[in-house]
């Protein structure tokens, strides 16, 4: 549609011909999506937002004073202030330094949106063309406001990531489709890692016709690794130095390992002795010594080792023929062999294992004497899982929608358990909580981290408290 010579589109439209927008340009060193093969996302206010993004806000970070619970070093930072301004400010120092970013932004449900845009002319034009001149936000305007809030922050966040860094974003059904599109545009679809459905509740909601029990965590790499993604014994010496991001193995679930025969080598489990495909030297007869039955690999498969190696393993007591000795050959695999390589994580994040929205609230209540001064905090087990599959022991983690400080707690607890030195930077605005004890969410963020430090008596894990102060204040 045309209005005074300017094209104004419903942002759901995906333009396919850049000639429709001959006078239109985007900014901030981002290619116009209409020039990259005809696929992109456009909405009212996008160009004004990108033009505004090129102007770096002036201001400084002001120290709030040393928190009382920072025994020893203080490697972490908690910054109070507008996260867009802070992301600008962090560019010179942290560009290309952050290994993992996790954010839990507003879900755009239409309630309590605290990030108004400044692009009213474009939105008004959109509403006029849509035949809506009322004051109430319609669906399109809500989407445009949310996009104008998210897009510049994601652009700046990408610049802070290392080449092997990764971004995780929590979201629900309201904007997951739109978020995928803008992340594809900013990071490139080839750098998409996964959509993790997270079981946010395990109980059934009975006051509606369909109980929604999940949200999502989207993952995008700065540069996705193209090969040797899986950590194995053959590449363990170089895996961390290979270019691009690859998911680290998750912790091994050792419930599958046991030691019913008191093997001095420790807990074990049985794996099939056959392997995919047929390969030279890996097809031979194996006789069960208990029954005399002879076995060959199943059709289209082979044994996992050659015959000489099989005899060595058998001599070491590592070949069993089922738990009762009457089945096919199986290999005794010890926990201590597999633990360094973990297990391949799955995308389904079960609430019983990784926590739910309710368990996140219960964690906060446990720290605050039964109170929950923040709604819907994420469980630390969820963030800890992301840390485990994305970061190493000395990596830097950023959360610029810090909320109640779940990410900070997850980093501290993982450092405690692994004796590691991950560092975090948390950024949170001064939105009111309605609680006189911690009037703003930023104060609550700091207080939660302080309480974790005190509870666990953590040394050399303190934080510096900072506040963004715009110029002129």
Protein backbone atom coordinates (compact mmCIF):
# COMPACT_ATOMS: atom_id res chain seq x y z
CA UNK A 1 0.00 0.00 0.00
CA UNK A 2 1.16 3.54 -0.70
CA UNK A 3 0.85 6.55 1.58
CA UNK A 4 2.46 9.83 0.55
CA UNK A 5 4.98 7.98 -1.55
CA UNK A 6 5.97 5.58 1.21
CA UNK A 7 5.16 1.88 1.23
CA UNK A 8 3.53 0.70 4.44
CA UNK A 9 2.96 -3.01 4.83
CA UNK A 10 1.42 -5.45 7.20
CA UNK A 11 4.59 -6.94 8.68
CA UNK A 12 3.37 -10.46 7.91
CA UNK A 13 3.95 -9.72 4.22
CA UNK A 14 7.24 -11.08 2.91
CA UNK A 15 8.31 -8.87 0.01
CA UNK A 16 9.71 -10.62 -3.03
CA UNK A 17 10.65 -7.70 -5.26
CA UNK A 18 12.91 -4.93 -4.02
CA UNK A 19 11.57 -2.64 -6.76
CA UNK A 20 8.46 -2.30 -4.63
CA UNK A 21 10.68 -0.32 -2.25
CA UNK A 22 13.03 1.56 -4.53
CA UNK A 23 13.56 4.41 -2.05
CA UNK A 24 13.74 2.26 1.06
CA UNK A 25 16.91 1.49 2.97
CA UNK A 26 17.66 -0.15 6.25
CA UNK A 27 20.57 0.90 8.41
CA UNK A 28 23.05 -0.16 11.07
CA UNK A 29 25.22 -2.10 8.62
CA UNK A 30 22.49 -4.68 8.13
CA UNK A 31 21.61 -5.60 4.57
CA UNK A 32 18.10 -4.84 3.49
CA UNK A 33 16.32 -8.22 3.64
CA UNK A 34 14.78 -7.39 0.29
CA UNK A 35 18.27 -7.58 -1.22
CA UNK A 36 19.20 -11.04 0.07
CA UNK A 37 17.20 -13.24 -2.22
CA UNK A 38 13.75 -11.80 -1.68
CA UNK A 39 13.07 -13.00 1.86
CA UNK A 40 12.72 -10.78 4.88
CA UNK A 41 10.48 -9.26 7.49
CA UNK A 42 9.12 -5.73 7.32
CA UNK A 43 6.86 -3.85 9.70
CA UNK A 44 5.90 -0.22 10.39
CA UNK A 45 8.67 1.57 12.23
CA UNK A 46 11.50 -0.76 11.26
CA UNK A 47 13.49 1.77 9.27
CA UNK A 48 13.06 4.49 11.90
CA UNK A 49 14.15 2.01 14.55
CA UNK A 50 17.31 1.09 12.62
CA UNK A 51 18.12 4.74 11.99
CA UNK A 52 17.74 5.47 15.70
CA UNK A 53 19.93 2.48 16.55
CA UNK A 54 22.87 4.08 14.77
CA UNK A 55 22.85 6.87 17.38
CA UNK A 56 24.75 5.72 20.46
CA UNK A 57 23.23 7.08 23.69
CA UNK A 58 25.59 9.16 25.80
CA UNK A 59 26.05 8.25 29.42
CA UNK A 60 28.17 6.34 31.88
CA UNK A 61 28.13 3.41 34.26
CA UNK A 62 28.14 4.55 37.87
CA UNK A 63 29.18 2.26 40.68
CA UNK A 64 26.57 1.80 43.40
CA UNK A 65 29.10 0.83 46.06
CA UNK A 66 30.62 -2.48 47.00
CA UNK A 67 27.93 -5.00 47.97
CA UNK A 68 28.40 -6.37 51.48
CA UNK A 69 28.67 -10.00 50.36
CA UNK A 70 31.60 -10.01 47.94
CA UNK A 71 34.22 -11.93 49.88
CA UNK A 72 37.38 -11.85 47.82
CA UNK A 73 37.22 -11.08 44.10
CA UNK A 74 34.11 -9.74 42.37
CA UNK A 75 34.19 -11.12 38.80
CA UNK A 76 30.48 -10.58 38.10
CA UNK A 77 28.51 -7.44 37.25
CA UNK A 78 24.89 -6.45 37.78
CA UNK A 79 23.96 -3.32 35.83
CA UNK A 80 20.78 -1.37 36.47
CA UNK A 81 19.40 0.62 33.57
CA UNK A 82 17.92 0.62 30.09
CA UNK A 83 19.29 -2.50 28.45
CA UNK A 84 19.46 -0.94 24.99
CA UNK A 85 21.71 1.85 26.25
CA UNK A 86 23.80 -0.62 28.26
CA UNK A 87 24.24 -2.92 25.23
CA UNK A 88 25.55 0.08 23.29
CA UNK A 89 27.89 0.96 26.14
CA UNK A 90 29.28 -2.58 26.40
CA UNK A 91 30.23 -2.80 22.72
CA UNK A 92 33.82 -1.44 22.97
CA UNK A 93 34.67 -3.64 25.94
CA UNK A 94 32.83 -6.89 25.25
CA UNK A 95 32.45 -7.10 21.49
CA UNK A 96 33.28 -10.68 20.51
CA UNK A 97 33.87 -11.73 24.14
CA UNK A 98 30.59 -13.31 25.29
CA UNK A 99 30.20 -17.09 25.02
CA UNK A 100 26.52 -17.34 25.91
CA UNK A 101 23.60 -14.94 26.07
CA UNK A 102 20.34 -15.99 27.69
CA UNK A 103 17.32 -13.69 27.76
CA UNK A 104 13.74 -14.04 28.90
CA UNK A 105 12.14 -10.98 27.25
CA UNK A 106 8.51 -9.83 27.50
CA UNK A 107 6.28 -12.35 25.74
CA UNK A 108 4.04 -9.68 24.19
CA UNK A 109 0.81 -10.96 25.70
CA UNK A 110 -0.60 -7.44 25.57
CA UNK A 111 -0.36 -6.89 29.32
CA UNK A 112 2.05 -4.51 31.00
CA UNK A 113 4.40 -3.85 28.07
CA UNK A 114 7.21 -1.71 29.50
CA UNK A 115 9.24 -0.97 26.38
CA UNK A 116 7.27 1.61 24.34
CA UNK A 117 8.73 2.51 20.96
CA UNK A 118 9.30 6.02 19.63
CA UNK A 119 8.10 5.42 16.08
CA UNK A 120 4.53 6.67 16.35
CA UNK A 121 4.25 8.05 12.84
CA UNK A 122 4.83 4.67 11.22
CA UNK A 123 2.44 2.94 13.58
CA UNK A 124 -0.21 5.60 13.01
CA UNK A 125 0.19 5.16 9.27
CA UNK A 126 -0.19 1.44 9.70
CA UNK A 127 -3.40 1.85 11.68
CA UNK A 128 -4.82 4.40 9.25
CA UNK A 129 -4.25 2.10 6.32
CA UNK A 130 -5.75 -0.75 8.29
CA UNK A 131 -8.87 1.33 8.84
CA UNK A 132 -8.32 1.56 12.59
CA UNK A 133 -7.92 5.00 14.14
CA UNK A 134 -8.85 3.98 17.68
CA UNK A 135 -6.62 4.13 20.69
CA UNK A 136 -6.63 0.42 21.47
CA UNK A 137 -3.67 -1.64 20.31
CA UNK A 138 -4.65 -4.15 17.70
CA UNK A 139 -2.69 -7.29 16.90
CA UNK A 140 -0.54 -5.66 14.23
CA UNK A 141 0.41 -2.71 16.38
CA UNK A 142 1.32 -4.96 19.29
CA UNK A 143 3.59 -6.99 17.03
CA UNK A 144 5.22 -3.84 15.63
CA UNK A 145 5.91 -2.44 19.09
CA UNK A 146 7.40 -5.75 20.22
CA UNK A 147 9.57 -6.02 17.11
CA UNK A 148 10.81 -2.45 17.51
CA UNK A 149 11.82 -3.33 21.05
CA UNK A 150 13.47 -6.69 20.33
CA UNK A 151 15.22 -6.13 17.02
CA UNK A 152 17.84 -3.54 18.03
CA UNK A 153 18.68 -5.41 21.22
CA UNK A 154 19.24 -8.63 19.30
CA UNK A 155 21.41 -6.83 16.74
CA UNK A 156 23.63 -5.43 19.47
CA UNK A 157 23.66 -8.74 21.34
CA UNK A 158 24.98 -10.57 18.29
CA UNK A 159 27.96 -8.20 18.14
CA UNK A 160 28.93 -9.17 21.69
CA UNK A 161 29.06 -12.90 20.97
CA UNK A 162 32.26 -14.76 20.23
CA UNK A 163 32.39 -16.60 16.93
CA UNK A 164 31.65 -19.76 18.92
CA UNK A 165 29.01 -18.01 21.02
CA UNK A 166 25.30 -18.74 21.24
CA UNK A 167 22.08 -16.91 22.07
CA UNK A 168 19.17 -18.54 23.92
CA UNK A 169 15.79 -16.78 24.02
CA UNK A 170 12.78 -17.90 26.04
CA UNK A 171 9.45 -17.24 24.34
CA UNK A 172 5.89 -18.55 24.11
CA UNK A 173 3.38 -18.98 21.30
CA UNK A 174 2.56 -15.27 21.03
CA UNK A 175 5.79 -14.38 19.23
CA UNK A 176 7.76 -17.58 18.58
CA UNK A 177 7.02 -17.40 14.84
CA UNK A 178 8.04 -13.74 14.61
CA UNK A 179 11.12 -14.28 16.75
CA UNK A 180 12.29 -17.05 14.43
CA UNK A 181 12.00 -14.69 11.48
CA UNK A 182 13.97 -11.83 13.02
CA UNK A 183 16.63 -14.19 14.37
CA UNK A 184 16.94 -15.74 10.91
CA UNK A 185 17.41 -12.24 9.52
CA UNK A 186 19.96 -11.13 12.13
CA UNK A 187 21.94 -14.34 12.63
CA UNK A 188 21.22 -16.09 9.34
CA UNK A 189 19.13 -19.26 9.04
CA UNK A 190 22.29 -21.39 8.74
CA UNK A 191 23.16 -20.44 12.31
CA UNK A 192 19.92 -21.73 13.78
CA UNK A 193 20.74 -24.35 16.42
CA UNK A 194 17.45 -25.61 17.83
CA UNK A 195 14.01 -24.90 19.17
CA UNK A 196 13.77 -26.40 22.65
CA UNK A 197 10.19 -26.97 23.79
CA UNK A 198 10.26 -26.54 27.57
CA UNK A 199 7.56 -28.18 29.69
CA UNK A 200 6.66 -25.15 31.78
CA UNK A 201 3.92 -26.95 33.69
CA UNK A 202 3.21 -30.60 34.48
CA UNK A 203 -0.31 -30.17 35.86
CA UNK A 204 -3.34 -29.97 33.62
CA UNK A 205 -5.15 -26.64 33.22
CA UNK A 206 -8.84 -27.49 33.48
CA UNK A 207 -10.45 -24.07 33.05
CA UNK A 208 -10.06 -24.07 29.26
CA UNK A 209 -10.51 -26.38 26.29
CA UNK A 210 -6.79 -27.09 25.79
CA UNK A 211 -4.08 -27.14 28.44
CA UNK A 212 -0.91 -25.51 27.08
CA UNK A 213 2.02 -26.97 28.97
CA UNK A 214 5.07 -25.71 27.16
CA UNK A 215 7.04 -22.67 26.10
CA UNK A 216 10.15 -22.50 23.93
CA UNK A 217 13.84 -21.68 24.07
CA UNK A 218 15.25 -20.68 20.68
CA UNK A 219 18.98 -21.09 20.12
CA UNK A 220 21.08 -19.31 17.47
CA UNK A 221 24.86 -19.40 17.10
CA UNK A 222 27.01 -16.49 16.02
CA UNK A 223 28.65 -19.06 13.71
CA UNK A 224 27.31 -22.62 13.70
CA UNK A 225 29.98 -25.31 13.49
CA UNK A 226 29.67 -27.28 10.27
CA UNK A 227 31.56 -30.47 11.16
CA UNK A 228 32.85 -32.49 14.12
CA UNK A 229 30.07 -31.21 16.33
CA UNK A 230 30.01 -34.29 18.54
CA UNK A 231 32.72 -34.50 21.20
CA UNK A 232 34.38 -37.92 20.95
CA UNK A 233 37.56 -39.65 22.08
CA UNK A 234 39.09 -39.06 18.65
CA UNK A 235 38.62 -35.26 18.63
CA UNK A 236 38.69 -34.37 22.32
CA UNK A 237 42.12 -32.72 22.08
CA UNK A 238 40.98 -30.22 19.42
CA UNK A 239 37.21 -30.00 19.92
CA UNK A 240 37.28 -26.76 21.94
CA UNK A 241 39.48 -25.09 19.34
CA UNK A 242 37.40 -25.97 16.29
CA UNK A 243 35.67 -22.97 14.69
CA UNK A 244 32.04 -22.18 15.36
CA UNK A 245 29.53 -23.18 18.01
CA UNK A 246 28.69 -26.79 18.78
CA UNK A 247 26.52 -28.08 21.59
CA UNK A 248 28.51 -29.60 24.42
CA UNK A 249 27.48 -33.03 25.67
CA UNK A 250 25.02 -32.94 28.50
CA UNK A 251 25.72 -34.59 31.85
CA UNK A 252 25.56 -38.36 31.67
CA UNK A 253 22.47 -39.82 33.33
CA UNK A 254 24.12 -42.43 35.52
CA UNK A 255 20.87 -44.11 36.62
CA UNK A 256 21.31 -46.43 33.64
CA UNK A 257 24.61 -47.66 35.05
CA UNK A 258 24.80 -50.15 37.89
CA UNK A 259 27.26 -52.67 39.32
CA UNK A 260 25.37 -55.87 40.15
CA UNK A 261 28.54 -58.01 39.95
CA UNK A 262 30.70 -55.63 42.04
CA UNK A 263 33.07 -55.06 39.15
CA UNK A 264 36.07 -53.11 40.51
CA UNK A 265 35.95 -50.97 37.38
CA UNK A 266 32.73 -49.41 38.63
CA UNK A 267 29.15 -49.02 37.34
CA UNK A 268 28.41 -50.30 33.85
CA UNK A 269 25.66 -50.93 31.33
CA UNK A 270 25.28 -53.26 28.36
CA UNK A 271 25.38 -51.94 24.80
CA UNK A 272 24.71 -53.98 21.65
CA UNK A 273 27.93 -55.30 20.12
CA UNK A 274 26.72 -54.65 16.57
CA UNK A 275 27.09 -51.36 14.69
CA UNK A 276 25.53 -49.74 11.59
CA UNK A 277 26.53 -50.73 8.04
CA UNK A 278 28.78 -53.52 6.80
CA UNK A 279 32.53 -52.95 6.90
CA UNK A 280 35.51 -55.12 5.92
CA UNK A 281 36.86 -57.27 8.73
CA UNK A 282 33.89 -56.67 11.01
CA UNK A 283 31.73 -59.62 9.99
CA UNK A 284 32.56 -62.94 11.67
CA UNK A 285 30.88 -65.60 13.76
CA UNK A 286 30.58 -65.25 17.55
CA UNK A 287 29.56 -68.28 19.60
CA UNK A 288 27.75 -68.00 22.90
CA UNK A 289 29.86 -70.21 25.23
CA UNK A 290 26.86 -70.88 27.46
CA UNK A 291 24.46 -72.15 24.78
CA UNK A 292 26.71 -72.97 21.81
CA UNK A 293 24.55 -70.74 19.60
CA UNK A 294 26.44 -68.91 16.84
CA UNK A 295 25.63 -65.28 16.05
CA UNK A 296 26.34 -63.11 13.05
CA UNK A 297 25.70 -59.37 12.79
CA UNK A 298 22.09 -58.49 11.89
CA UNK A 299 21.28 -57.79 8.25
CA UNK A 300 23.01 -54.62 7.02
CA UNK A 301 25.15 -54.30 10.16
CA UNK A 302 28.56 -55.40 11.42
CA UNK A 303 30.29 -56.00 14.74
CA UNK A 304 31.72 -52.91 16.41
CA UNK A 305 35.31 -54.27 16.53
CA UNK A 306 37.46 -56.71 14.61
CA UNK A 307 37.82 -60.31 15.79
CA UNK A 308 41.17 -59.80 17.55
CA UNK A 309 39.80 -56.87 19.56
CA UNK A 310 36.70 -58.92 20.37
CA UNK A 311 38.91 -61.62 21.87
CA UNK A 312 40.72 -59.01 23.98
CA UNK A 313 37.45 -57.61 25.27
CA UNK A 314 36.16 -61.08 26.01
CA UNK A 315 39.32 -61.87 27.94
CA UNK A 316 38.79 -58.71 29.99
CA UNK A 317 35.30 -59.83 30.96
CA UNK A 318 33.68 -57.14 28.87
CA UNK A 319 31.61 -59.35 26.57
CA UNK A 320 28.36 -60.62 28.06
CA UNK A 321 25.61 -62.57 26.36
CA UNK A 322 22.73 -60.82 28.03
CA UNK A 323 22.22 -60.52 31.78
CA UNK A 324 21.41 -64.25 31.98
CA UNK A 325 24.11 -65.38 29.57
CA UNK A 326 21.77 -66.81 26.93
CA UNK A 327 21.47 -63.97 24.40
CA UNK A 328 23.43 -62.12 21.73
CA UNK A 329 26.87 -60.63 22.46
CA UNK A 330 26.82 -57.30 24.27
CA UNK A 331 29.59 -54.96 25.40
CA UNK A 332 30.10 -53.93 29.00
CA UNK A 333 30.46 -50.14 28.91
CA UNK A 334 31.73 -48.44 32.06
CA UNK A 335 30.49 -45.12 33.35
CA UNK A 336 34.03 -43.84 33.84
CA UNK A 337 34.69 -44.31 30.11
CA UNK A 338 31.63 -42.42 28.95
CA UNK A 339 31.38 -39.69 31.60
CA UNK A 340 33.98 -37.36 29.99
CA UNK A 341 31.94 -37.28 26.78
CA UNK A 342 28.51 -36.97 28.40
CA UNK A 343 25.47 -37.69 26.30
CA UNK A 344 23.90 -35.94 23.33
CA UNK A 345 21.30 -33.51 24.72
CA UNK A 346 17.75 -33.73 23.43
CA UNK A 347 15.58 -30.78 22.50
CA UNK A 348 12.61 -31.75 24.70
CA UNK A 349 13.13 -30.11 28.10
CA UNK A 350 11.11 -32.20 30.51
CA UNK A 351 9.71 -30.23 33.42
CA UNK A 352 10.49 -32.98 35.93
CA UNK A 353 14.18 -32.80 35.04
CA UNK A 354 14.65 -29.13 34.20
CA UNK A 355 12.03 -27.51 36.40
CA UNK A 356 8.74 -25.76 35.67
CA UNK A 357 7.36 -22.27 36.16
CA UNK A 358 6.07 -23.41 39.53
CA UNK A 359 9.44 -24.75 40.66
CA UNK A 360 11.04 -21.47 39.60
CA UNK A 361 8.64 -19.66 41.93
CA UNK A 362 9.36 -22.13 44.72
CA UNK A 363 13.10 -21.48 44.40
CA UNK A 364 12.51 -17.76 44.80
CA UNK A 365 10.26 -18.37 47.79
CA UNK A 366 12.97 -20.49 49.42
CA UNK A 367 15.43 -17.60 49.14
CA UNK A 368 12.98 -14.91 50.26
CA UNK A 369 11.36 -16.53 53.28
CA UNK A 370 8.27 -17.80 51.53
CA UNK A 371 7.77 -14.65 49.46
CA UNK A 372 7.86 -14.56 45.66
CA UNK A 373 8.41 -10.89 44.78
CA UNK A 374 8.68 -11.66 41.05
CA UNK A 375 6.19 -13.41 38.77
CA UNK A 376 7.09 -16.46 36.69
CA UNK A 377 10.86 -16.71 37.26
CA UNK A 378 12.55 -19.43 35.24
CA UNK A 379 13.89 -22.42 37.21
CA UNK A 380 17.64 -22.49 37.72
CA UNK A 381 17.79 -26.07 36.45
CA UNK A 382 16.67 -24.87 33.02
CA UNK A 383 19.35 -22.17 32.82
CA UNK A 384 21.95 -24.53 34.26
CA UNK A 385 21.27 -27.01 31.46
CA UNK A 386 21.86 -24.28 28.88
CA UNK A 387 25.08 -23.28 30.63
CA UNK A 388 26.28 -26.88 30.65
CA UNK A 389 25.72 -27.42 26.93
CA UNK A 390 27.05 -24.02 25.82
CA UNK A 391 29.86 -22.83 28.09
CA UNK A 392 33.22 -23.84 29.46
CA UNK A 393 34.61 -23.26 32.95
CA UNK A 394 35.92 -19.71 32.34
CA UNK A 395 33.36 -18.33 29.90
CA UNK A 396 31.40 -15.08 30.07
CA UNK A 397 27.59 -15.15 30.22
CA UNK A 398 25.24 -12.22 29.56
CA UNK A 399 21.56 -11.79 30.46
CA UNK A 400 20.14 -8.37 29.58
CA UNK A 401 16.59 -9.16 30.70
CA UNK A 402 17.84 -10.39 34.07
CA UNK A 403 14.53 -10.26 35.94
CA UNK A 404 14.84 -11.83 39.37
CA UNK A 405 18.41 -12.99 38.65
CA UNK A 406 17.89 -16.67 37.82
CA UNK A 407 20.83 -16.64 35.41
CA UNK A 408 23.11 -15.24 38.09
CA UNK A 409 22.06 -17.93 40.55
CA UNK A 410 22.53 -20.67 37.95
CA UNK A 411 26.08 -19.48 37.17
CA UNK A 412 27.00 -19.28 40.85
CA UNK A 413 25.67 -22.75 41.60
CA UNK A 414 27.39 -24.28 38.58
CA UNK A 415 30.66 -22.63 39.58
CA UNK A 416 30.21 -24.02 43.08
CA UNK A 417 29.53 -27.56 41.90
CA UNK A 418 32.17 -27.66 39.15
CA UNK A 419 34.73 -25.42 40.86
CA UNK A 420 34.66 -23.33 37.70
CA UNK A 421 35.04 -19.61 37.05
CA UNK A 422 32.24 -18.64 34.72
CA UNK A 423 31.42 -14.93 34.90
CA UNK A 424 28.11 -13.18 34.36
CA UNK A 425 26.90 -9.73 33.40
CA UNK A 426 23.26 -9.12 34.30
CA UNK A 427 21.35 -6.09 33.03
CA UNK A 428 17.98 -5.14 34.46
CA UNK A 429 15.86 -1.99 34.33
CA UNK A 430 14.27 -0.16 37.23
CA UNK A 431 10.71 -1.35 36.71
CA UNK A 432 8.68 -1.26 39.95
CA UNK A 433 7.92 -4.49 41.80
CA UNK A 434 5.15 -3.21 44.03
CA UNK A 435 7.12 -4.46 47.03
CA UNK A 436 8.42 -1.79 49.43
CA UNK A 437 11.39 -3.94 50.45
CA UNK A 438 12.73 -4.16 46.90
CA UNK A 439 10.99 -1.33 45.05
CA UNK A 440 12.54 -2.13 41.66
CA UNK A 441 13.30 -5.34 39.82
CA UNK A 442 16.97 -4.33 39.65
CA UNK A 443 17.11 -4.19 43.45
CA UNK A 444 15.52 -7.64 43.57
CA UNK A 445 18.11 -8.96 41.11
CA UNK A 446 20.96 -7.78 43.31
CA UNK A 447 19.31 -9.07 46.48
CA UNK A 448 18.77 -12.54 45.05
CA UNK A 449 22.41 -12.86 44.04
CA UNK A 450 23.51 -11.58 47.45
CA UNK A 451 21.39 -14.22 49.18
CA UNK A 452 22.84 -17.02 47.05
CA UNK A 453 26.35 -15.80 47.89
CA UNK A 454 25.48 -15.76 51.57
CA UNK A 455 23.68 -19.12 51.56
CA UNK A 456 26.55 -20.94 49.88
CA UNK A 457 29.35 -18.93 51.55
CA UNK A 458 30.91 -18.38 48.13
CA UNK A 459 34.36 -16.82 48.05
CA UNK A 460 35.73 -14.90 45.05
CA UNK A 461 32.28 -14.93 43.44
CA UNK A 462 31.12 -11.41 44.30
CA UNK A 463 29.62 -8.84 41.96
CA UNK A 464 29.98 -5.17 41.20
CA UNK A 465 26.73 -3.22 41.27
CA UNK A 466 26.51 -0.54 38.56
CA UNK A 467 23.87 1.83 37.22
CA UNK A 468 23.53 3.35 33.77
CA UNK A 469 23.31 7.14 34.05
CA UNK A 470 22.32 9.02 30.86
CA UNK A 471 24.26 12.19 30.14
CA UNK A 472 22.75 15.21 31.85
CA UNK A 473 21.61 13.36 34.97
